[in-house]
Amino acid sequence: MVGTIWLCPGQGAQKVGMGKDLAERFPAARDTFQAIDDALGVGLSRLMFEGPEDELTATQNAQPAILAHSAAVFAALGAAGAGGIGAAGHSLGEYSAYVTAKALEAPAAAKLVRRRGELMHKAGEERPGMMAAILGLATAEVEAACHDASQQGSVAVAANLNAPDQTVISGDPDAVARAGEGCKKRGAKRVVPLKVSGAFHSPLMAPAANHLQMALEKAPFQEPAFPVIANATAEAVKDTGRARRLLADQLTAPVRWVECMQHAARLAGEGEGKGGGTEVRWVEIGPGTVLAGLLKRIVPGANVVSLGTANEVAKFMEAA
């Protein structure tokens, strides 16, 4: 018996042409894209397949596009996608994870993340912020630099705890700049500014979180078929009320990805102990291979595969 931990990517993985080969090869993927287009009332799939890139990269488009890609891969897998024992998604990918757990239908999830993207973009316009990746420095050192850099109402926080030596910081531009310099003094190898429209996963997103909570309360959630690991707390979520609250909290809380993967690994270990030995595989669904790369650094030896193209999905199904 094979049990799967589903991994769903977040913003930044989008690219023009994403999902087009899936739509051409798998009717279930094509139907998923069409259902999401209908739910949103816009031709999102056409934007994904043809661009232009600057429009696809806009937060309110990139987020539902990445979710649509993940959902289409999952739909294309069909029976080969059975056997989930847990799921986790990075930032917006947490919504995709709830799709794999059958807690949200893909069209409803796409409407939520489009609203989420709109709110995040608006919050970024009202209080401009920035984000930067800190490479080659322990998270505790990054957090200390952010603490030192936050002064007189200007905030910098550790926003994405992606790997033991890779953390993204977020906040007011002046504070993020000071924190970046502080990280360099502490020995960071690189400080890389990110192209985003706001200070995501920081206190600057509070207005967006308040409005998102209202949208989440109205969303048609079902009880998850298996646990979804929450970004904000790294806990396994199994009920709809908790899911809604933590998805709203996620906008202002850090993405605790290292802890999420460690918790998922514990779920995998529990899976191995059930029924006389369940084989556990980690499957990244959607564009790119970022999460598989991070997983190998957090859980050495993990059996992980990334499925983003039609050929990758077909090969996986043949082996299933």
C-alpha atoms as a PDB file:
ATOM      1  CA  MET A   1       0.000   0.000   0.000  1.00  0.00           C
ATOM      2  CA  VAL A   2       1.255   3.479  -0.898  1.00  0.00           C
ATOM      3  CA  GLY A   3       0.416   6.612   1.099  1.00  0.00           C
ATOM      4  CA  THR A   4       1.019  10.086  -0.340  1.00  0.00           C
ATOM      5  CA  ILE A   5       1.954  13.425   1.187  1.00  0.00           C
ATOM      6  CA  TRP A   6       0.832  16.055  -1.340  1.00  0.00           C
ATOM      7  CA  LEU A   7       2.939  19.218  -1.687  1.00  0.00           C
ATOM      8  CA  CYS A   8       1.502  22.289  -3.426  1.00  0.00           C
ATOM      9  CA  PRO A   9       3.663  25.242  -4.550  1.00  0.00           C
ATOM     10  CA  GLY A  10       3.127  28.930  -3.900  1.00  0.00           C
ATOM     11  CA  GLN A  11       3.546  32.241  -5.708  1.00  0.00           C
ATOM     12  CA  GLY A  12       6.622  32.636  -7.861  1.00  0.00           C
ATOM     13  CA  ALA A  13       6.240  29.277  -9.615  1.00  0.00           C
ATOM     14  CA  GLN A  14       4.031  30.699 -12.393  1.00  0.00           C
ATOM     15  CA  LYS A  15       5.221  30.911 -16.007  1.00  0.00           C
ATOM     16  CA  VAL A  16       3.585  31.455 -19.390  1.00  0.00           C
ATOM     17  CA  GLY A  17       2.580  28.122 -20.926  1.00  0.00           C
ATOM     18  CA  MET A  18       1.864  26.488 -17.569  1.00  0.00           C
ATOM     19  CA  GLY A  19      -0.705  23.711 -17.783  1.00  0.00           C
ATOM     20  CA  LYS A  20      -1.257  23.879 -21.537  1.00  0.00           C
ATOM     21  CA  ASP A  21       0.133  20.397 -22.180  1.00  0.00           C
ATOM     22  CA  LEU A  22      -2.040  19.019 -19.375  1.00  0.00           C
ATOM     23  CA  ALA A  23      -5.179  20.479 -20.959  1.00  0.00           C
ATOM     24  CA  GLU A  24      -4.247  19.043 -24.351  1.00  0.00           C
ATOM     25  CA  ARG A  25      -3.538  15.540 -23.028  1.00  0.00           C
ATOM     26  CA  PHE A  26      -5.900  14.940 -20.096  1.00  0.00           C
ATOM     27  CA  PRO A  27      -9.662  15.626 -20.321  1.00  0.00           C
ATOM     28  CA  ALA A  28      -9.912  15.827 -16.513  1.00  0.00           C
ATOM     29  CA  ALA A  29      -7.292  18.602 -16.451  1.00  0.00           C
ATOM     30  CA  ARG A  30      -9.043  20.437 -19.276  1.00  0.00           C
ATOM     31  CA  ASP A  31     -12.357  20.208 -17.414  1.00  0.00           C
ATOM     32  CA  THR A  32     -10.698  21.566 -14.260  1.00  0.00           C
ATOM     33  CA  PHE A  33      -9.335  24.601 -16.089  1.00  0.00           C
ATOM     34  CA  GLN A  34     -12.750  25.234 -17.675  1.00  0.00           C
ATOM     35  CA  ALA A  35     -14.568  24.954 -14.349  1.00  0.00           C
ATOM     36  CA  ILE A  36     -12.183  27.463 -12.780  1.00  0.00           C
ATOM     37  CA  ASP A  37     -12.556  29.850 -15.737  1.00  0.00           C
ATOM     38  CA  ASP A  38     -16.336  29.639 -15.353  1.00  0.00           C
ATOM     39  CA  ALA A  39     -16.177  30.216 -11.585  1.00  0.00           C
ATOM     40  CA  LEU A  40     -13.951  33.274 -11.952  1.00  0.00           C
ATOM     41  CA  GLY A  41     -15.749  34.651 -15.002  1.00  0.00           C
ATOM     42  CA  VAL A  42     -12.407  35.247 -16.739  1.00  0.00           C
ATOM     43  CA  GLY A  43     -10.213  33.307 -19.152  1.00  0.00           C
ATOM     44  CA  LEU A  44      -7.562  32.417 -16.586  1.00  0.00           C
ATOM     45  CA  SER A  45      -6.448  29.323 -18.497  1.00  0.00           C
ATOM     46  CA  ARG A  46      -5.832  31.371 -21.638  1.00  0.00           C
ATOM     47  CA  LEU A  47      -3.676  33.762 -19.594  1.00  0.00           C
ATOM     48  CA  MET A  48      -1.782  30.763 -18.217  1.00  0.00           C
ATOM     49  CA  PHE A  49      -1.247  29.219 -21.644  1.00  0.00           C
ATOM     50  CA  GLU A  50      -0.516  32.382 -23.653  1.00  0.00           C
ATOM     51  CA  GLY A  51       0.359  35.227 -21.287  1.00  0.00           C
ATOM     52  CA  PRO A  52       1.324  38.045 -21.345  1.00  0.00           C
ATOM     53  CA  GLU A  53       3.814  37.412 -18.567  1.00  0.00           C
ATOM     54  CA  ASP A  54       3.361  40.712 -16.743  1.00  0.00           C
ATOM     55  CA  GLU A  55      -0.383  40.090 -16.458  1.00  0.00           C
ATOM     56  CA  LEU A  56       0.108  36.483 -15.328  1.00  0.00           C
ATOM     57  CA  THR A  57       2.612  37.613 -12.673  1.00  0.00           C
ATOM     58  CA  ALA A  58       0.117  40.031 -11.077  1.00  0.00           C
ATOM     59  CA  THR A  59      -0.711  38.696  -7.615  1.00  0.00           C
ATOM     60  CA  GLN A  60      -4.454  38.366  -8.256  1.00  0.00           C
ATOM     61  CA  ASN A  61      -3.749  36.255 -11.376  1.00  0.00           C
ATOM     62  CA  ALA A  62      -0.651  34.310 -10.336  1.00  0.00           C
ATOM     63  CA  GLN A  63      -2.296  32.874  -7.225  1.00  0.00           C
ATOM     64  CA  PRO A  64      -5.359  31.277  -8.885  1.00  0.00           C
ATOM     65  CA  ALA A  65      -3.184  30.226 -11.844  1.00  0.00           C
ATOM     66  CA  ILE A  66      -0.847  28.212  -9.633  1.00  0.00           C
ATOM     67  CA  LEU A  67      -3.795  26.678  -7.781  1.00  0.00           C
ATOM     68  CA  ALA A  68      -5.448  25.804 -11.103  1.00  0.00           C
ATOM     69  CA  HIS A  69      -2.269  24.082 -12.278  1.00  0.00           C
ATOM     70  CA  SER A  70      -2.014  22.037  -9.070  1.00  0.00           C
ATOM     71  CA  ALA A  71      -5.707  21.119  -9.212  1.00  0.00           C
ATOM     72  CA  ALA A  72      -5.423  20.105 -12.870  1.00  0.00           C
ATOM     73  CA  VAL A  73      -2.484  17.807 -12.146  1.00  0.00           C
ATOM     74  CA  PHE A  74      -4.406  16.246  -9.270  1.00  0.00           C
ATOM     75  CA  ALA A  75      -7.485  15.748 -11.468  1.00  0.00           C
ATOM     76  CA  ALA A  76      -5.397  14.223 -14.270  1.00  0.00           C
ATOM     77  CA  LEU A  77      -3.926  11.657 -11.872  1.00  0.00           C
ATOM     78  CA  GLY A  78      -7.337  10.116 -11.261  1.00  0.00           C
ATOM     79  CA  ALA A  79      -6.984   6.801  -9.432  1.00  0.00           C
ATOM     80  CA  ALA A  80      -3.212   7.297  -9.272  1.00  0.00           C
ATOM     81  CA  GLY A  81      -3.919  10.227  -6.951  1.00  0.00           C
ATOM     82  CA  ALA A  82      -5.603   8.082  -4.309  1.00  0.00           C
ATOM     83  CA  GLY A  83      -4.049   7.205  -0.972  1.00  0.00           C
ATOM     84  CA  GLY A  84      -3.377  10.609   0.576  1.00  0.00           C
ATOM     85  CA  ILE A  85      -2.299  10.588   4.210  1.00  0.00           C
ATOM     86  CA  GLY A  86      -1.544  14.308   4.429  1.00  0.00           C
ATOM     87  CA  ALA A  87      -0.931  17.495   2.458  1.00  0.00           C
ATOM     88  CA  ALA A  88       0.848  20.809   2.762  1.00  0.00           C
ATOM     89  CA  GLY A  89       1.050  23.851   0.554  1.00  0.00           C
ATOM     90  CA  HIS A  90       3.338  26.868   0.606  1.00  0.00           C
ATOM     91  CA  SER A  91       1.335  30.061   1.214  1.00  0.00           C
ATOM     92  CA  LEU A  92      -1.430  30.020  -1.452  1.00  0.00           C
ATOM     93  CA  GLY A  93      -0.543  26.348  -1.940  1.00  0.00           C
ATOM     94  CA  GLU A  94      -2.292  25.619   1.348  1.00  0.00           C
ATOM     95  CA  TYR A  95      -5.564  26.177  -0.521  1.00  0.00           C
ATOM     96  CA  SER A  96      -4.446  23.677  -3.181  1.00  0.00           C
ATOM     97  CA  ALA A  97      -3.659  21.243  -0.371  1.00  0.00           C
ATOM     98  CA  TYR A  98      -7.269  21.490   0.803  1.00  0.00           C
ATOM     99  CA  VAL A  99      -8.331  20.606  -2.750  1.00  0.00           C
ATOM    100  CA  THR A 100      -6.298  17.386  -2.570  1.00  0.00           C
ATOM    101  CA  ALA A 101      -7.969  16.636   0.789  1.00  0.00           C
ATOM    102  CA  LYS A 102     -11.385  17.193  -0.830  1.00  0.00           C
ATOM    103  CA  ALA A 103     -12.197  19.944   1.651  1.00  0.00           C
ATOM    104  CA  LEU A 104     -12.588  22.475  -1.177  1.00  0.00           C
ATOM    105  CA  GLU A 105     -13.611  22.028  -4.793  1.00  0.00           C
ATOM    106  CA  ALA A 106     -11.101  23.552  -7.196  1.00  0.00           C
ATOM    107  CA  PRO A 107     -13.430  26.332  -8.507  1.00  0.00           C
ATOM    108  CA  ALA A 108     -14.282  27.487  -4.973  1.00  0.00           C
ATOM    109  CA  ALA A 109     -10.616  27.408  -3.978  1.00  0.00           C
ATOM    110  CA  ALA A 110      -9.697  29.439  -7.069  1.00  0.00           C
ATOM    111  CA  LYS A 111     -12.279  32.102  -6.165  1.00  0.00           C
ATOM    112  CA  LEU A 112     -10.819  32.302  -2.671  1.00  0.00           C
ATOM    113  CA  VAL A 113      -7.218  32.712  -3.798  1.00  0.00           C
ATOM    114  CA  ARG A 114      -8.178  35.268  -6.429  1.00  0.00           C
ATOM    115  CA  ARG A 115      -9.905  37.276  -3.685  1.00  0.00           C
ATOM    116  CA  ARG A 116      -6.859  36.697  -1.494  1.00  0.00           C
ATOM    117  CA  GLY A 117      -4.573  38.017  -4.234  1.00  0.00           C
ATOM    118  CA  GLU A 118      -6.747  41.102  -4.759  1.00  0.00           C
ATOM    119  CA  LEU A 119      -6.735  41.877  -1.051  1.00  0.00           C
ATOM    120  CA  MET A 120      -2.988  41.370  -0.732  1.00  0.00           C
ATOM    121  CA  HIS A 121      -2.341  43.617  -3.731  1.00  0.00           C
ATOM    122  CA  LYS A 122      -4.609  46.327  -2.280  1.00  0.00           C
ATOM    123  CA  ALA A 123      -2.901  46.123   1.110  1.00  0.00           C
ATOM    124  CA  GLY A 124       0.439  46.519  -0.670  1.00  0.00           C
ATOM    125  CA  GLU A 125      -0.792  49.655  -2.420  1.00  0.00           C
ATOM    126  CA  GLU A 126      -2.122  51.179   0.809  1.00  0.00           C
ATOM    127  CA  ARG A 127       1.069  50.443   2.757  1.00  0.00           C
ATOM    128  CA  PRO A 128       3.911  49.567   0.375  1.00  0.00           C
ATOM    129  CA  GLY A 129       6.244  46.847   1.577  1.00  0.00           C
ATOM    130  CA  MET A 130       8.899  44.544   0.270  1.00  0.00           C
ATOM    131  CA  MET A 131      10.358  41.069   0.742  1.00  0.00           C
ATOM    132  CA  ALA A 132      13.878  39.689   0.421  1.00  0.00           C
ATOM    133  CA  ALA A 133      15.356  36.201   0.558  1.00  0.00           C
ATOM    134  CA  ILE A 134      18.204  35.653   3.017  1.00  0.00           C
ATOM    135  CA  LEU A 135      20.476  32.814   1.947  1.00  0.00           C
ATOM    136  CA  GLY A 136      23.095  31.040   4.013  1.00  0.00           C
ATOM    137  CA  LEU A 137      22.098  32.237   7.489  1.00  0.00           C
ATOM    138  CA  ALA A 138      20.301  30.398  10.296  1.00  0.00           C
ATOM    139  CA  THR A 139      16.703  31.455  10.903  1.00  0.00           C
ATOM    140  CA  ALA A 140      17.406  32.560  14.486  1.00  0.00           C
ATOM    141  CA  GLU A 141      20.043  35.003  13.208  1.00  0.00           C
ATOM    142  CA  VAL A 142      17.606  36.350  10.595  1.00  0.00           C
ATOM    143  CA  GLU A 143      14.945  36.853  13.263  1.00  0.00           C
ATOM    144  CA  ALA A 144      17.445  38.716  15.441  1.00  0.00           C
ATOM    145  CA  ALA A 145      18.365  41.011  12.536  1.00  0.00           C
ATOM    146  CA  CYS A 146      14.672  41.728  11.894  1.00  0.00           C
ATOM    147  CA  HIS A 147      14.127  42.540  15.570  1.00  0.00           C
ATOM    148  CA  ASP A 148      17.037  44.978  15.562  1.00  0.00           C
ATOM    149  CA  ALA A 149      15.846  46.576  12.309  1.00  0.00           C
ATOM    150  CA  SER A 150      12.258  47.181  13.476  1.00  0.00           C
ATOM    151  CA  GLN A 151      12.011  50.653  14.987  1.00  0.00           C
ATOM    152  CA  GLN A 152       9.673  53.673  15.228  1.00  0.00           C
ATOM    153  CA  GLY A 153       6.709  51.812  13.730  1.00  0.00           C
ATOM    154  CA  SER A 154       8.712  50.359  10.849  1.00  0.00           C
ATOM    155  CA  VAL A 155       8.534  46.562  10.786  1.00  0.00           C
ATOM    156  CA  ALA A 156      10.626  43.687   9.413  1.00  0.00           C
ATOM    157  CA  VAL A 157       9.817  40.055  10.175  1.00  0.00           C
ATOM    158  CA  ALA A 158      10.913  36.584   9.129  1.00  0.00           C
ATOM    159  CA  ALA A 159       8.050  35.662   6.786  1.00  0.00           C
ATOM    160  CA  ASN A 160       8.920  32.389   5.039  1.00  0.00           C
ATOM    161  CA  LEU A 161      10.986  29.887   7.031  1.00  0.00           C
ATOM    162  CA  ASN A 162      11.777  27.800   3.966  1.00  0.00           C
ATOM    163  CA  ALA A 163      14.868  25.850   5.024  1.00  0.00           C
ATOM    164  CA  PRO A 164      17.298  25.935   7.945  1.00  0.00           C
ATOM    165  CA  ASP A 165      19.503  28.374   6.021  1.00  0.00           C
ATOM    166  CA  GLN A 166      16.911  30.046   3.747  1.00  0.00           C
ATOM    167  CA  THR A 167      14.481  32.610   5.142  1.00  0.00           C
ATOM    168  CA  VAL A 168      12.428  35.319   3.442  1.00  0.00           C
ATOM    169  CA  ILE A 169      11.961  38.586   5.319  1.00  0.00           C
ATOM    170  CA  SER A 170       9.046  40.968   4.850  1.00  0.00           C
ATOM    171  CA  GLY A 171       7.897  44.387   6.001  1.00  0.00           C
ATOM    172  CA  ASP A 172       8.363  48.112   5.488  1.00  0.00           C
ATOM    173  CA  PRO A 173      11.055  48.823   2.846  1.00  0.00           C
ATOM    174  CA  ASP A 174      13.372  50.737   5.183  1.00  0.00           C
ATOM    175  CA  ALA A 175      13.190  48.083   7.893  1.00  0.00           C
ATOM    176  CA  VAL A 176      13.703  45.242   5.398  1.00  0.00           C
ATOM    177  CA  ALA A 177      16.744  47.067   4.010  1.00  0.00           C
ATOM    178  CA  ARG A 178      18.189  47.460   7.523  1.00  0.00           C
ATOM    179  CA  ALA A 179      17.440  43.818   8.315  1.00  0.00           C
ATOM    180  CA  GLY A 180      19.158  42.741   5.101  1.00  0.00           C
ATOM    181  CA  GLU A 181      22.293  44.674   6.065  1.00  0.00           C
ATOM    182  CA  GLY A 182      22.097  43.151   9.525  1.00  0.00           C
ATOM    183  CA  CYS A 183      21.911  39.672   7.999  1.00  0.00           C
ATOM    184  CA  LYS A 184      24.995  40.372   5.889  1.00  0.00           C
ATOM    185  CA  LYS A 185      26.895  41.441   8.999  1.00  0.00           C
ATOM    186  CA  ARG A 186      25.815  38.193  10.648  1.00  0.00           C
ATOM    187  CA  GLY A 187      27.269  36.185   7.774  1.00  0.00           C
ATOM    188  CA  ALA A 188      24.472  35.766   5.208  1.00  0.00           C
ATOM    189  CA  LYS A 189      25.796  34.660   1.826  1.00  0.00           C
ATOM    190  CA  ARG A 190      23.226  36.620  -0.189  1.00  0.00           C
ATOM    191  CA  VAL A 191      20.291  38.999   0.266  1.00  0.00           C
ATOM    192  CA  VAL A 192      17.967  38.846  -2.749  1.00  0.00           C
ATOM    193  CA  PRO A 193      15.066  41.329  -3.109  1.00  0.00           C
ATOM    194  CA  LEU A 194      11.890  39.638  -4.393  1.00  0.00           C
ATOM    195  CA  LYS A 195       9.502  40.957  -7.032  1.00  0.00           C
ATOM    196  CA  VAL A 196       6.242  41.046  -5.088  1.00  0.00           C
ATOM    197  CA  SER A 197       3.495  43.640  -4.681  1.00  0.00           C
ATOM    198  CA  GLY A 198       3.540  43.811  -0.899  1.00  0.00           C
ATOM    199  CA  ALA A 199       4.936  42.639   2.425  1.00  0.00           C
ATOM    200  CA  PHE A 200       3.257  39.234   2.502  1.00  0.00           C
ATOM    201  CA  HIS A 201       3.101  37.196   5.722  1.00  0.00           C
ATOM    202  CA  SER A 202       3.772  40.270   7.833  1.00  0.00           C
ATOM    203  CA  PRO A 203       1.696  42.633  10.019  1.00  0.00           C
ATOM    204  CA  LEU A 204       1.300  44.891   6.960  1.00  0.00           C
ATOM    205  CA  MET A 205      -1.247  42.380   5.592  1.00  0.00           C
ATOM    206  CA  ALA A 206      -3.654  42.826   8.541  1.00  0.00           C
ATOM    207  CA  PRO A 207      -6.302  44.702   6.483  1.00  0.00           C
ATOM    208  CA  ALA A 208      -6.274  41.914   3.889  1.00  0.00           C
ATOM    209  CA  ALA A 209      -6.594  39.231   6.561  1.00  0.00           C
ATOM    210  CA  ASN A 210      -9.709  40.840   8.028  1.00  0.00           C
ATOM    211  CA  HIS A 211     -11.514  40.880   4.679  1.00  0.00           C
ATOM    212  CA  LEU A 212     -10.263  37.423   3.726  1.00  0.00           C
ATOM    213  CA  GLN A 213     -11.759  35.999   6.914  1.00  0.00           C
ATOM    214  CA  MET A 214     -15.202  37.054   5.702  1.00  0.00           C
ATOM    215  CA  ALA A 215     -14.693  35.328   2.345  1.00  0.00           C
ATOM    216  CA  LEU A 216     -13.461  32.179   4.082  1.00  0.00           C
ATOM    217  CA  GLU A 217     -16.519  32.079   6.344  1.00  0.00           C
ATOM    218  CA  LYS A 218     -18.761  31.982   3.252  1.00  0.00           C
ATOM    219  CA  ALA A 219     -16.688  29.389   1.375  1.00  0.00           C
ATOM    220  CA  PRO A 220     -18.130  25.850   0.981  1.00  0.00           C
ATOM    221  CA  PHE A 221     -15.624  23.874   3.064  1.00  0.00           C
ATOM    222  CA  GLN A 222     -16.036  20.152   3.776  1.00  0.00           C
ATOM    223  CA  GLU A 223     -14.220  18.135   6.433  1.00  0.00           C
ATOM    224  CA  PRO A 224     -10.749  17.235   5.060  1.00  0.00           C
ATOM    225  CA  ALA A 225     -10.350  13.578   4.068  1.00  0.00           C
ATOM    226  CA  PHE A 226      -6.864  13.690   5.628  1.00  0.00           C
ATOM    227  CA  PRO A 227      -4.862  16.265   7.615  1.00  0.00           C
ATOM    228  CA  VAL A 228      -3.566  19.448   5.985  1.00  0.00           C
ATOM    229  CA  ILE A 229      -0.531  21.029   7.655  1.00  0.00           C
ATOM    230  CA  ALA A 230      -1.181  24.720   8.378  1.00  0.00           C
ATOM    231  CA  ASN A 231       1.486  27.262   7.407  1.00  0.00           C
ATOM    232  CA  ALA A 232       0.788  29.497  10.383  1.00  0.00           C
ATOM    233  CA  THR A 233       1.211  26.880  13.134  1.00  0.00           C
ATOM    234  CA  ALA A 234       2.624  23.747  11.439  1.00  0.00           C
ATOM    235  CA  GLU A 235      -0.242  21.767  12.990  1.00  0.00           C
ATOM    236  CA  ALA A 236      -2.318  19.084  11.259  1.00  0.00           C
ATOM    237  CA  VAL A 237      -5.779  20.538  10.579  1.00  0.00           C
ATOM    238  CA  LYS A 238      -8.756  18.207  10.378  1.00  0.00           C
ATOM    239  CA  ASP A 239     -11.805  20.463  10.802  1.00  0.00           C
ATOM    240  CA  THR A 240     -13.287  23.254   8.722  1.00  0.00           C
ATOM    241  CA  GLY A 241     -13.512  25.893  11.448  1.00  0.00           C
ATOM    242  CA  ARG A 242      -9.833  25.598  12.248  1.00  0.00           C
ATOM    243  CA  ALA A 243      -8.986  25.585   8.533  1.00  0.00           C
ATOM    244  CA  ARG A 244     -10.810  28.866   7.945  1.00  0.00           C
ATOM    245  CA  ARG A 245      -9.192  30.601  10.922  1.00  0.00           C
ATOM    246  CA  LEU A 246      -5.662  29.500  10.080  1.00  0.00           C
ATOM    247  CA  LEU A 247      -5.977  30.428   6.403  1.00  0.00           C
ATOM    248  CA  ALA A 248      -6.861  33.966   7.487  1.00  0.00           C
ATOM    249  CA  ASP A 249      -4.071  34.033  10.084  1.00  0.00           C
ATOM    250  CA  GLN A 250      -1.650  32.880   7.400  1.00  0.00           C
ATOM    251  CA  LEU A 251      -1.571  36.325   5.731  1.00  0.00           C
ATOM    252  CA  THR A 252       0.107  37.963   8.722  1.00  0.00           C
ATOM    253  CA  ALA A 253       1.922  34.913  10.152  1.00  0.00           C
ATOM    254  CA  PRO A 254       5.168  33.373   8.920  1.00  0.00           C
ATOM    255  CA  VAL A 255       5.081  30.329   6.659  1.00  0.00           C
ATOM    256  CA  ARG A 256       6.675  27.758   8.987  1.00  0.00           C
ATOM    257  CA  TRP A 257       7.729  25.493   6.135  1.00  0.00           C
ATOM    258  CA  VAL A 258      10.544  23.676   7.931  1.00  0.00           C
ATOM    259  CA  GLU A 259       8.215  22.782  10.797  1.00  0.00           C
ATOM    260  CA  CYS A 260       5.439  21.892   8.321  1.00  0.00           C
ATOM    261  CA  MET A 261       7.699  19.372   6.584  1.00  0.00           C
ATOM    262  CA  GLN A 262       8.881  17.974   9.898  1.00  0.00           C
ATOM    263  CA  HIS A 263       5.270  17.480  10.998  1.00  0.00           C
ATOM    264  CA  ALA A 264       4.395  15.917   7.636  1.00  0.00           C
ATOM    265  CA  ALA A 265       7.359  13.561   8.065  1.00  0.00           C
ATOM    266  CA  ARG A 266       5.887  12.466  11.379  1.00  0.00           C
ATOM    267  CA  LEU A 267       2.583  11.779   9.612  1.00  0.00           C
ATOM    268  CA  ALA A 268       4.513   9.746   7.063  1.00  0.00           C
ATOM    269  CA  GLY A 269       6.169   7.803   9.864  1.00  0.00           C
ATOM    270  CA  GLU A 270       2.763   7.049  11.340  1.00  0.00           C
ATOM    271  CA  GLY A 271       1.633   5.897   7.908  1.00  0.00           C
ATOM    272  CA  GLU A 272       4.527   3.450   7.758  1.00  0.00           C
ATOM    273  CA  GLY A 273       3.328   1.912  10.976  1.00  0.00           C
ATOM    274  CA  LYS A 274      -0.237   1.313   9.848  1.00  0.00           C
ATOM    275  CA  GLY A 275      -1.418  -1.934   8.384  1.00  0.00           C
ATOM    276  CA  GLY A 276       1.928  -3.653   8.379  1.00  0.00           C
ATOM    277  CA  GLY A 277       3.989  -1.168   6.412  1.00  0.00           C
ATOM    278  CA  THR A 278       2.683   1.618   4.183  1.00  0.00           C
ATOM    279  CA  GLU A 279       5.129   2.962   1.625  1.00  0.00           C
ATOM    280  CA  VAL A 280       5.177   6.769   1.810  1.00  0.00           C
ATOM    281  CA  ARG A 281       5.866   9.025  -1.136  1.00  0.00           C
ATOM    282  CA  TRP A 282       5.944  12.816  -1.345  1.00  0.00           C
ATOM    283  CA  VAL A 283       4.381  14.262  -4.502  1.00  0.00           C
ATOM    284  CA  GLU A 284       4.716  17.923  -5.509  1.00  0.00           C
ATOM    285  CA  ILE A 285       1.876  18.887  -7.858  1.00  0.00           C
ATOM    286  CA  GLY A 286       1.907  22.086  -9.877  1.00  0.00           C
ATOM    287  CA  PRO A 287       4.545  24.233 -11.557  1.00  0.00           C
ATOM    288  CA  GLY A 288       8.214  23.924 -10.654  1.00  0.00           C
ATOM    289  CA  THR A 289      10.289  21.790  -8.308  1.00  0.00           C
ATOM    290  CA  VAL A 290      11.005  24.255  -5.480  1.00  0.00           C
ATOM    291  CA  LEU A 291       9.223  22.306  -2.757  1.00  0.00           C
ATOM    292  CA  ALA A 292      10.916  19.035  -3.668  1.00  0.00           C
ATOM    293  CA  GLY A 293      14.280  20.783  -3.391  1.00  0.00           C
ATOM    294  CA  LEU A 294      13.425  22.245   0.024  1.00  0.00           C
ATOM    295  CA  LEU A 295      12.115  18.887   1.252  1.00  0.00           C
ATOM    296  CA  LYS A 296      15.414  17.158   0.460  1.00  0.00           C
ATOM    297  CA  ARG A 297      17.164  19.686   2.703  1.00  0.00           C
ATOM    298  CA  ILE A 298      14.654  19.321   5.541  1.00  0.00           C
ATOM    299  CA  VAL A 299      13.893  15.579   5.369  1.00  0.00           C
ATOM    300  CA  PRO A 300      16.974  13.885   3.884  1.00  0.00           C
ATOM    301  CA  GLY A 301      16.160  10.678   2.057  1.00  0.00           C
ATOM    302  CA  ALA A 302      12.511  11.566   1.397  1.00  0.00           C
ATOM    303  CA  ASN A 303      11.052   9.800  -1.642  1.00  0.00           C
ATOM    304  CA  VAL A 304       9.809  12.835  -3.582  1.00  0.00           C
ATOM    305  CA  VAL A 305       8.704  13.465  -7.161  1.00  0.00           C
ATOM    306  CA  SER A 306       7.505  16.667  -8.847  1.00  0.00           C
ATOM    307  CA  LEU A 307       4.571  16.527 -11.279  1.00  0.00           C
ATOM    308  CA  GLY A 308       4.007  19.650 -13.350  1.00  0.00           C
ATOM    309  CA  THR A 309       4.003  18.555 -16.992  1.00  0.00           C
ATOM    310  CA  ALA A 310       1.851  16.108 -18.922  1.00  0.00           C
ATOM    311  CA  ASN A 311       4.835  13.810 -19.492  1.00  0.00           C
ATOM    312  CA  GLU A 312       5.666  13.751 -15.771  1.00  0.00           C
ATOM    313  CA  VAL A 313       2.047  12.925 -14.912  1.00  0.00           C
ATOM    314  CA  ALA A 314       1.871  10.166 -17.536  1.00  0.00           C
ATOM    315  CA  LYS A 315       5.108   8.598 -16.344  1.00  0.00           C
ATOM    316  CA  PHE A 316       3.891   8.665 -12.747  1.00  0.00           C
ATOM    317  CA  MET A 317       0.592   7.030 -13.713  1.00  0.00           C
ATOM    318  CA  GLU A 318       2.366   4.280 -15.614  1.00  0.00           C
ATOM    319  CA  ALA A 319       4.449   3.452 -12.562  1.00  0.00           C
ATOM    320  CA  ALA A 320       1.509   3.601 -10.137  1.00  0.00           C
END
